[in-house]
Protein backbone atom coordinates (compact mmCIF):
# COMPACT_ATOMS: atom_id res chain seq x y z
CA MET A 1 -23.24 -0.36 16.70
CA GLY A 2 -22.21 1.23 20.01
CA GLU A 3 -19.81 4.12 20.31
CA ARG A 4 -16.02 3.22 19.66
CA ARG A 5 -14.04 2.48 22.82
CA GLY A 6 -11.28 4.85 23.36
CA ARG A 7 -7.70 3.66 22.85
CA VAL A 8 -5.58 3.23 26.02
CA TRP A 9 -3.74 6.63 25.83
CA GLU A 10 -7.16 8.40 25.13
CA VAL A 11 -8.58 6.92 28.22
CA LEU A 12 -5.82 7.68 30.29
CA LEU A 13 -5.71 11.25 29.18
CA LYS A 14 -9.59 11.68 29.16
CA VAL A 15 -9.42 12.56 25.59
CA LYS A 16 -12.35 12.59 23.08
CA GLU A 17 -11.47 13.71 19.70
CA TRP A 18 -9.96 17.15 20.12
CA ASN A 19 -10.91 17.72 23.69
CA SER A 20 -9.78 16.51 27.09
CA ASP A 21 -11.20 16.77 30.74
CA TYR A 22 -7.64 17.68 31.70
CA VAL A 23 -7.19 21.43 31.43
CA SER A 24 -3.34 20.80 30.64
CA VAL A 25 -4.15 18.28 27.86
CA ASP A 26 -6.91 20.40 26.51
CA LYS A 27 -4.35 23.30 25.87
CA LEU A 28 -1.97 20.85 24.04
CA LEU A 29 -4.82 19.80 21.86
CA ARG A 30 -5.84 23.41 21.09
CA HIS A 31 -2.14 24.14 20.13
CA LEU A 32 -2.06 21.16 17.81
CA GLY A 33 -5.53 22.07 16.34
CA ARG A 34 -4.23 25.57 15.45
CA LYS A 35 -1.02 24.24 13.69
CA THR A 36 -2.27 21.45 11.42
CA ARG A 37 -5.09 19.46 13.13
CA SER A 38 -3.41 16.27 12.06
CA GLU A 39 -4.83 13.21 13.44
CA GLY A 40 -1.40 11.51 13.13
CA SER A 41 0.41 14.39 15.11
CA ARG A 42 -2.48 14.21 17.82
CA ALA A 43 -2.00 10.61 18.25
CA THR A 44 1.75 10.99 18.48
CA TYR A 45 2.00 13.76 20.96
CA LEU A 46 -0.82 12.10 23.19
CA LYS A 47 0.91 8.71 23.25
CA THR A 48 4.17 10.21 24.40
CA LEU A 49 2.39 12.14 27.03
CA ALA A 50 0.55 8.93 28.26
CA GLN A 51 3.90 7.11 28.48
CA PHE A 52 5.15 10.00 30.52
CA VAL A 53 2.24 10.10 32.80
CA ARG A 54 2.57 6.42 33.49
CA PHE A 55 6.47 6.89 34.01
CA THR A 56 6.00 9.59 36.60
CA GLU A 57 2.62 8.18 38.20
CA VAL A 58 1.44 11.86 38.06
CA ALA A 59 -1.66 13.23 36.49
CA PRO A 60 -1.27 15.67 33.61
CA ASP A 61 -2.71 18.64 35.61
CA GLY A 62 -0.27 17.54 38.47
CA LEU A 63 2.62 17.78 36.20
CA VAL A 64 2.22 21.36 35.31
CA VAL A 65 2.17 22.56 38.76
CA LEU A 66 5.67 20.99 39.72
CA SER A 67 8.65 23.18 39.94
CA LYS A 68 10.64 23.93 36.80
CA GLU A 69 13.62 21.90 38.34
CA LYS A 70 11.42 18.86 39.01
CA VAL A 71 9.94 18.81 35.67
CA GLU A 72 13.36 18.93 33.98
CA GLU A 73 14.54 16.05 36.23
CA LYS A 74 11.44 13.91 35.31
CA VAL A 75 11.45 14.66 31.51
CA GLN A 76 15.40 14.08 31.31
CA ALA A 77 15.02 10.70 33.06
CA PHE A 78 12.04 9.69 30.83
CA CYS A 79 13.94 10.44 27.64
CA ASP A 80 17.15 8.90 28.81
CA SER A 81 15.12 5.63 29.33
CA ALA A 82 14.31 5.46 25.47
CA LYS A 83 16.37 2.83 23.71
CA ALA A 84 17.27 4.99 20.62
CA PRO A 85 18.75 8.30 20.70
CA ARG A 86 16.37 9.64 17.96
CA THR A 87 13.39 8.47 19.87
CA ALA A 88 14.67 10.12 22.99
CA ASN A 89 15.04 13.52 21.12
CA ARG A 90 11.62 13.14 19.50
CA LYS A 91 9.87 12.54 22.85
CA MET A 92 11.77 15.27 24.41
CA GLU A 93 10.47 17.82 21.84
CA GLU A 94 6.89 16.45 22.23
CA LEU A 95 6.98 16.89 25.91
CA LYS A 96 8.51 20.32 25.55
CA ALA A 97 5.49 21.17 23.53
CA PHE A 98 3.19 20.03 26.19
CA PHE A 99 4.90 22.07 28.91
CA ARG A 100 5.22 25.08 26.70
CA CYS A 101 1.49 25.14 26.24
CA ASN A 102 1.23 25.09 30.00
CA GLY A 103 3.30 28.16 30.99
CA PHE A 104 6.91 26.67 30.89
CA ARG A 105 8.08 29.31 28.26
CA THR A 106 10.10 32.16 27.64
CA GLY A 107 8.84 34.07 24.53
CA ASP A 108 7.63 31.47 22.20
CA LYS A 109 10.06 28.75 23.24
CA CYS A 110 10.00 26.28 26.07
CA ASN A 111 12.31 27.22 28.93
CA LEU A 112 13.19 23.77 30.16
CA ILE A 113 16.79 22.99 30.16
CA LEU A 114 17.36 19.39 28.88
CA GLU A 115 20.16 17.51 27.36
CA ARG A 116 19.72 16.17 23.91
CA HIS A 117 21.23 12.81 22.82
CA TYR A 118 23.76 12.82 20.16
CA VAL A 119 22.70 11.28 16.85
CA GLY A 120 25.27 10.89 14.10
CA ALA A 121 24.47 11.72 10.49
CA ARG A 122 23.80 8.23 9.61
CA GLN A 123 23.30 6.73 13.07
CA ARG A 124 20.14 4.43 13.26
CA SER A 125 19.03 2.26 16.12
CA ARG A 126 17.58 -0.30 13.57
CA ARG A 127 19.66 -1.53 10.70
CA GLU A 128 18.43 -0.21 7.31
CA TYR A 129 18.05 -2.49 4.30
CA ILE A 130 16.86 -1.54 0.95
CA PRO A 131 16.12 -4.91 -1.06
CA THR A 132 17.34 -5.39 -4.55
CA ASP A 133 15.05 -5.48 -7.52
CA GLU A 134 15.59 -9.19 -7.78
CA GLU A 135 14.87 -9.72 -4.05
CA ILE A 136 11.57 -7.80 -4.47
CA TYR A 137 10.76 -9.81 -7.51
CA ARG A 138 11.29 -13.10 -5.39
CA ILE A 139 9.00 -11.68 -2.47
CA ILE A 140 6.25 -10.93 -5.18
CA ASN A 141 6.53 -14.21 -7.19
CA GLU A 142 8.04 -16.88 -4.88
CA ALA A 143 6.74 -16.38 -1.43
CA GLY A 144 3.29 -17.68 -1.88
CA LEU A 145 1.52 -14.45 -1.41
CA ASN A 146 -2.22 -14.37 -2.18
CA LEU A 147 -3.69 -12.09 -4.78
CA LYS A 148 -4.42 -9.25 -2.39
CA TRP A 149 -0.99 -9.11 -0.86
CA ARG A 150 0.98 -9.76 -4.13
CA ALA A 151 -0.93 -6.59 -5.63
CA PHE A 152 -0.22 -4.57 -2.31
CA VAL A 153 3.39 -5.13 -2.44
CA LEU A 154 3.63 -4.31 -6.19
CA VAL A 155 1.66 -1.16 -5.40
CA LEU A 156 4.04 -0.22 -2.58
CA TYR A 157 7.06 -0.79 -4.73
CA THR A 158 5.91 0.79 -8.03
CA THR A 159 4.20 3.79 -6.74
CA GLY A 160 6.78 4.57 -3.82
CA PHE A 161 3.72 5.15 -1.56
CA ARG A 162 3.94 5.16 2.30
CA ASN A 163 2.33 2.16 3.95
CA SER A 164 -0.31 4.53 5.29
CA THR A 165 -1.11 5.81 1.92
CA ALA A 166 -1.52 2.51 0.15
CA ARG A 167 -3.77 1.52 2.93
CA ALA A 168 -6.05 4.50 2.37
CA LEU A 169 -6.58 3.92 -1.32
CA LYS A 170 -10.20 3.48 -2.46
CA TYR A 171 -11.46 1.70 -5.41
CA GLY A 172 -12.85 5.04 -6.75
CA ASP A 173 -9.24 6.27 -6.81
CA ILE A 174 -8.28 4.01 -9.60
CA LYS A 175 -11.62 2.83 -11.11
CA GLU A 176 -11.82 5.08 -14.33
CA GLU A 177 -8.34 4.56 -15.59
CA LEU A 178 -8.56 0.75 -14.54
CA LYS A 179 -11.66 0.27 -16.78
CA ASP A 180 -10.30 2.30 -19.53
CA GLY A 181 -7.13 0.13 -19.58
CA VAL A 182 -4.91 3.17 -19.13
CA VAL A 183 -1.34 2.01 -18.57
CA PRO A 184 0.75 3.34 -16.63
CA LEU A 185 -2.33 3.97 -14.40
CA CYS A 186 -2.23 7.29 -12.48
CA VAL A 187 -3.05 7.21 -8.64
CA LYS A 188 -3.68 10.48 -6.88
CA VAL A 189 -2.80 11.28 -3.20
CA TYR A 190 -5.00 13.81 -1.68
CA PRO A 191 -5.67 15.40 1.92
CA GLU A 192 -9.06 13.75 2.48
CA MET A 193 -7.24 10.37 2.53
CA LYS A 194 -6.39 11.32 6.18
CA ASP A 195 -10.09 10.57 6.98
CA VAL A 196 -9.45 6.96 6.09
CA VAL A 197 -5.79 6.63 7.66
CA SER A 198 -4.59 9.59 9.63
CA ASP A 199 -1.01 9.47 8.09
CA ALA A 200 -2.07 8.80 4.61
CA CYS A 201 -1.22 12.29 3.03
CA LYS A 202 1.85 13.57 4.91
CA ASN A 203 1.57 17.35 5.64
CA LYS A 204 -1.52 17.36 3.40
CA ILE A 205 0.64 17.52 0.24
CA PRO A 206 -1.28 16.42 -2.74
CA TYR A 207 0.57 14.62 -5.49
CA PHE A 208 0.37 11.48 -7.70
CA SER A 209 2.26 8.53 -8.93
CA PHE A 210 1.64 5.85 -11.33
CA ILE A 211 1.48 1.92 -11.50
CA PRO A 212 2.85 0.02 -14.45
CA LYS A 213 1.32 -2.99 -16.47
CA GLU A 214 2.20 -5.74 -14.16
CA THR A 215 0.96 -3.95 -11.09
CA VAL A 216 -2.23 -3.10 -12.89
CA GLU A 217 -2.86 -6.75 -13.80
CA ALA A 218 -2.15 -7.81 -10.34
CA VAL A 219 -4.66 -5.50 -8.90
CA GLN A 220 -7.17 -6.50 -11.50
CA ALA A 221 -6.87 -10.16 -10.61
CA TYR A 222 -7.18 -9.31 -6.85
CA LEU A 223 -10.33 -7.28 -7.41
CA GLU A 224 -11.98 -10.09 -9.37
CA GLU A 225 -11.29 -12.56 -6.74
CA ARG A 226 -12.44 -10.11 -4.07
CA GLN A 227 -15.85 -9.57 -5.73
CA THR A 228 -16.56 -13.47 -5.70
CA ARG A 229 -15.89 -13.39 -1.76
CA LEU A 230 -17.57 -10.11 -0.65
CA ALA A 231 -19.64 -8.03 -2.79
CA PRO A 232 -19.67 -5.87 -6.14
CA LEU A 233 -17.00 -3.07 -5.80
CA LYS A 234 -18.20 0.46 -4.91
CA ASP A 235 -16.12 3.72 -5.40
CA GLU A 236 -16.06 4.41 -1.50
CA GLN A 237 -14.67 0.86 -0.73
CA ILE A 238 -11.13 0.53 0.34
CA LEU A 239 -8.92 -0.86 -2.21
CA PHE A 240 -6.90 -3.30 -0.06
CA CYS A 241 -9.57 -3.78 2.66
CA SER A 242 -9.32 -5.53 5.84
CA ASP A 243 -9.83 -9.29 6.31
CA ASN A 244 -10.24 -9.08 10.10
CA ARG A 245 -13.01 -11.48 11.09
CA ARG A 246 -13.83 -9.46 14.09
CA ILE A 247 -14.96 -6.85 11.65
CA PRO A 248 -18.57 -7.53 10.45
CA ARG A 249 -18.41 -8.89 7.01
CA GLU A 250 -20.54 -6.04 5.41
CA LYS A 251 -18.14 -3.58 6.84
CA ARG A 252 -14.78 -5.06 5.73
CA PRO A 253 -14.86 -3.56 2.29
CA TYR A 254 -14.84 -0.22 4.07
CA SER A 255 -12.19 -0.96 6.66
CA PRO A 256 -8.47 -0.28 5.75
CA LEU A 257 -5.73 -2.74 6.79
CA ASP A 258 -4.11 -2.10 10.14
CA MET A 259 -0.83 -0.49 10.23
CA THR A 260 1.30 -3.51 11.34
CA SER A 261 -0.24 -6.20 8.76
CA PRO A 262 1.86 -5.05 5.57
CA GLN A 263 5.20 -5.16 7.90
CA LYS A 264 4.36 -8.80 9.05
CA VAL A 265 3.58 -9.96 5.53
CA ILE A 266 6.54 -8.48 3.76
CA ARG A 267 8.93 -9.73 6.45
CA ARG A 268 7.58 -13.22 6.42
CA ALA A 269 7.78 -13.19 2.54
CA GLY A 270 11.26 -12.04 2.84
CA LYS A 271 12.25 -14.90 5.17
CA VAL A 272 10.34 -17.65 2.91
CA THR A 273 12.32 -16.46 -0.06
CA LYS A 274 15.62 -16.68 1.90
CA ILE A 275 16.58 -13.00 1.69
CA LYS A 276 19.60 -12.58 3.91
CA GLU A 277 18.50 -9.46 5.57
CA TRP A 278 14.79 -10.35 5.75
CA GLN A 279 14.17 -9.15 9.19
CA TYR A 280 15.11 -5.54 8.06
CA VAL A 281 12.70 -5.48 4.94
CA THR A 282 9.79 -3.22 5.49
CA PRO A 283 7.13 -1.30 3.63
CA HIS A 284 9.41 1.85 4.04
CA SER A 285 12.43 -0.04 2.49
CA LEU A 286 10.18 -0.67 -0.58
CA ARG A 287 9.66 3.05 -0.89
CA LYS A 288 13.39 3.53 -0.86
CA ALA A 289 13.77 0.92 -3.53
CA PHE A 290 11.17 2.83 -5.77
CA GLU A 291 13.34 5.92 -5.30
CA ARG A 292 16.42 3.85 -6.44
CA ALA A 293 14.57 2.74 -9.62
CA VAL A 294 13.29 6.20 -10.46
CA ARG A 295 16.67 7.66 -9.83
CA ASN A 296 18.32 4.94 -12.11
CA SER A 297 15.93 5.69 -14.91
CA GLY A 298 17.44 9.24 -15.40
CA LEU A 299 14.23 11.33 -14.29
CA ASP A 300 14.82 14.94 -13.56
CA THR A 301 15.52 15.43 -9.82
CA LYS A 302 12.33 17.57 -9.52
CA ASP A 303 10.15 14.70 -11.05
CA GLN A 304 11.75 12.30 -8.67
CA GLU A 305 11.02 14.34 -5.65
CA PHE A 306 7.35 14.99 -6.80
CA LEU A 307 6.66 11.35 -7.26
CA MET A 308 7.92 10.75 -3.90
CA GLY A 309 5.44 13.24 -2.28
CA HIS A 310 8.19 15.59 -1.34
CA ILE A 311 8.15 19.47 -1.22
CA LEU A 312 10.76 20.94 -3.42
CA PRO A 313 13.23 23.11 -1.69
CA GLY A 314 13.09 26.93 -1.79
CA SER A 315 10.77 28.56 -4.49
CA GLN A 316 11.18 25.38 -6.80
CA ASP A 317 7.84 23.92 -5.49
CA THR A 318 5.91 27.12 -6.35
CA TYR A 319 7.15 26.94 -10.00
CA TYR A 320 7.00 23.06 -10.51
CA ASP A 321 4.04 22.13 -12.80
CA LYS A 322 1.91 19.70 -10.97
CA THR A 323 -0.66 19.43 -13.74
CA ARG A 324 1.52 17.72 -16.39
CA VAL A 325 0.09 14.11 -15.62
CA GLU A 326 0.54 12.97 -19.23
CA ASP A 327 4.21 14.16 -19.43
CA LEU A 328 5.23 12.51 -16.18
CA ARG A 329 3.11 9.22 -17.18
CA ARG A 330 5.49 9.20 -20.24
CA LYS A 331 8.62 9.54 -18.14
CA TYR A 332 7.39 7.07 -15.66
CA ALA A 333 6.89 4.50 -18.38
CA GLN A 334 10.64 4.32 -18.81
CA VAL A 335 11.28 3.16 -15.15
CA ASN A 336 12.53 -0.34 -15.08
CA PHE A 337 11.50 -1.90 -11.78
CA PHE A 338 12.92 -5.38 -12.09
CA PRO A 339 16.30 -6.77 -13.44
CA GLU A 340 16.87 -6.20 -17.12
CA ARG A 341 17.74 -9.96 -17.61
CA VAL A 342 14.23 -10.97 -16.24
CA TYR A 343 12.80 -9.20 -19.32
CA SER A 344 15.30 -10.00 -21.82
CA ASP A 345 14.40 -13.61 -22.10
CA GLY A 346 10.59 -13.38 -21.24
CA ASN A 347 11.29 -15.04 -17.95
CA PHE A 348 9.05 -12.46 -16.07
CA ARG A 349 5.98 -12.93 -18.08
CA LYS A 350 6.40 -16.72 -18.09
CA ARG A 351 6.50 -16.48 -14.21
CA GLN A 352 3.67 -14.33 -14.02
CA VAL A 353 1.46 -16.84 -16.23
CA LEU A 354 2.48 -19.84 -14.09
CA ASP A 355 2.32 -18.16 -10.80
CA THR A 356 -1.01 -16.73 -11.45
CA ALA A 357 -2.30 -20.24 -12.34
CA LYS A 358 -1.02 -21.70 -9.25
CA LEU A 359 -2.49 -18.84 -7.01
CA LEU A 360 -5.86 -19.29 -8.58
CA GLY A 361 -5.79 -23.00 -7.76
CA PHE A 362 -5.53 -24.72 -11.18
CA PRO A 363 -5.66 -28.35 -11.15
CA GLU A 364 -2.34 -30.08 -11.24
CA ASP A 365 -2.84 -31.60 -14.77
CA ARG A 366 -3.65 -28.11 -16.10
CA ILE A 367 -0.66 -26.51 -14.46
CA LYS A 368 1.56 -29.28 -15.88
CA ARG A 369 0.22 -28.64 -19.37
CA ILE A 370 0.82 -24.80 -18.93
CA GLU A 371 4.44 -25.62 -17.75
CA GLU A 372 5.09 -27.83 -20.52
CA ALA A 373 4.01 -25.11 -23.08
CA LEU A 374 6.07 -22.48 -21.36
CA ALA A 375 9.12 -24.66 -21.32
CA LYS A 376 8.73 -25.68 -24.88
CA TYR A 377 8.91 -22.14 -26.40
CA GLU A 378 11.56 -19.42 -26.06
CA HIS A 379 8.89 -16.57 -26.23
CA VAL A 380 5.90 -16.32 -23.93
CA ASP A 381 3.63 -15.20 -26.64
CA GLU A 382 4.22 -18.58 -28.65
CA ALA A 383 3.45 -20.59 -25.42
CA LEU A 384 0.22 -18.54 -24.79
CA GLU A 385 -0.73 -19.55 -28.33
CA GLU A 386 -0.66 -23.18 -27.41
CA ILE A 387 -2.34 -22.58 -24.08
CA LYS A 388 -5.34 -20.83 -25.91
CA LYS A 389 -5.42 -23.50 -28.51
CA LEU A 390 -5.68 -26.19 -25.75
CA SER A 391 -8.59 -24.17 -24.27
CA LEU A 392 -10.24 -23.93 -27.62
CA GLU A 393 -10.14 -27.69 -28.23
CA SER A 394 -11.49 -28.32 -24.72
CA TYR A 395 -14.48 -25.89 -25.46
CA LYS A 396 -15.26 -27.56 -28.85
CA GLU A 397 -15.21 -31.05 -27.26
CA SER A 398 -17.64 -29.96 -24.51
CA ASP A 399 -19.73 -28.00 -26.79
CA LYS A 400 -20.50 -30.47 -29.43
CA GLY A 401 -24.15 -30.74 -30.33
CA ASN A 402 -25.06 -27.49 -28.72
CA SER A 403 -26.10 -25.77 -31.90
CA ASP A 404 -29.13 -24.13 -30.16
CA VAL A 405 -26.83 -21.54 -28.39
CA ASP A 406 -27.43 -17.91 -29.42
CA CYS A 407 -25.35 -15.38 -27.45
CA ASN A 408 -24.47 -12.45 -29.62
CA GLY A 409 -21.69 -10.18 -28.37
CA GLU A 410 -20.98 -9.58 -24.58
CA GLY A 411 -23.96 -10.53 -22.45
CA ASN A 412 -26.16 -13.22 -20.93
CA CYS A 413 -28.72 -15.20 -22.87
CA GLY A 414 -29.88 -17.17 -19.96
CA LYS A 415 -27.97 -20.39 -21.09
CA HIS A 416 -24.51 -18.80 -21.49
CA GLU A 417 -22.71 -15.69 -20.47
CA ILE A 418 -20.17 -14.17 -22.92
CA ARG A 419 -17.35 -11.93 -21.66
CA ILE A 420 -14.54 -10.11 -23.38
CA VAL A 421 -11.16 -9.89 -21.40
CA ARG A 422 -8.22 -7.78 -22.26
CA ASN A 423 -5.06 -9.27 -20.55
CA GLU A 424 -3.26 -12.51 -20.09
CA GLN A 425 -3.63 -12.85 -16.30
CA ARG A 426 -7.35 -12.10 -16.36
CA LEU A 427 -7.65 -14.71 -19.10
CA ILE A 428 -6.09 -17.38 -17.01
CA LYS A 429 -8.09 -16.58 -13.87
CA LEU A 430 -11.45 -16.94 -15.75
CA LEU A 431 -10.29 -20.07 -17.49
CA SER A 432 -9.67 -21.55 -13.93
CA GLU A 433 -13.11 -20.60 -12.98
CA GLY A 434 -14.69 -22.79 -15.69
CA TRP A 435 -15.00 -20.26 -18.58
CA ASP A 436 -14.18 -21.38 -22.09
CA LEU A 437 -12.15 -19.50 -24.63
CA ILE A 438 -14.20 -19.42 -27.83
CA LYS A 439 -12.40 -16.70 -29.97
CA GLU A 440 -9.39 -14.52 -29.99
CA LEU A 441 -10.25 -11.13 -31.22
CA SER A 442 -6.70 -9.75 -31.18
CA SER A 443 -3.49 -10.38 -29.36
CA ASP A 444 -4.79 -9.05 -26.16
CA ARG A 445 -8.56 -9.39 -26.39
CA PHE A 446 -10.44 -12.71 -26.02
CA VAL A 447 -14.07 -13.88 -26.03
CA LEU A 448 -15.02 -16.28 -23.27
CA LYS A 449 -18.11 -18.17 -22.51
CA LYS A 450 -19.59 -19.86 -19.44
CA SER A 451 -22.47 -22.32 -19.50
CA PHE A 452 -25.06 -22.38 -16.82
CA ASP A 453 -26.55 -25.55 -15.33
């Protein structure tokens, strides 16, 4: 593969990594490198500078030799052209940093005299909307999302992660606890994630959150389906990898989703499920919905802030015990992410069983039998008993006369493969792929067998 082509703003500013052929831009990069050396900050500052260069039609090194009055005039005009007051003020501060690095300073501050735009305490250019628990439930279960996007949306909502953080997760980040069946499952955020997605670990603050049972099961279903399409999972592979066909197939498992894909999927799902304010539902609004769910669960304010990845004010952060994973896991387990009435009558689990069957492409007659079993019983466990009995009967009919089979335990004898599964959604997925249920070890452990031609 050849060298990656520079992005538009990198080409315009003659930037390569943390250096530039323009002396003035190079000074800005050195300043940013001394502060945090954040790839996200680098991109933000340079994008604004590139926009300003196009606006003025003057090269960076030409801008810094203009008179102070001329610079003030151009910067003010550029910022005034921004659509939103907050955006105007942000761009103003970023350009002031550029000019401060290039001699426009008094002491350690930029000496440009500029007028900021007024921003009210709650003033926003884009309307904010935080979806209700029930609306999120509809997005997850009624929008026709595939297994990957269903799991991704659940992870966003039940961890409170930022879009960039969820996109930077690797399979190795959840592998051990996923295999051990730990619920809620701990997911750690760490500075090295910025090597995958530049904004993944804001301010390089390490922390952790959790995912509950329904999210763990959704992730398991997605990963099993993914292995059949791509290849066996490896620790360094991205958990929610890209499906971009312009990326070579062998590189997709190591390529994260682009920044805008989650936004588009979530907004479309909101529209399909007829959420009134669907155009304002974003990955960040799911993060705010997570904060609401955690707050309503009664967690201590410090625990809430830690799970959000925030620094506690004053000296509180220094004295907060960030090692008590099990204590926080126990508290997190009490958080109720969906309406109480959904759990009270078993509708949530029933919907999960039926939606999983549909997503996995069960034949119509099989789906109809599952629907009948779910409608027949008040409790989902009773319905699952009938579904399992139907699978056992189907297996016995198809296996008559095959007395020569000798598969002991979990493994592969050459004619049959034996597998033990530990949750309902995984059971349903394997049954859809032609596996037969031959024995129930306990209420959540099943032995399945698949015959080879």
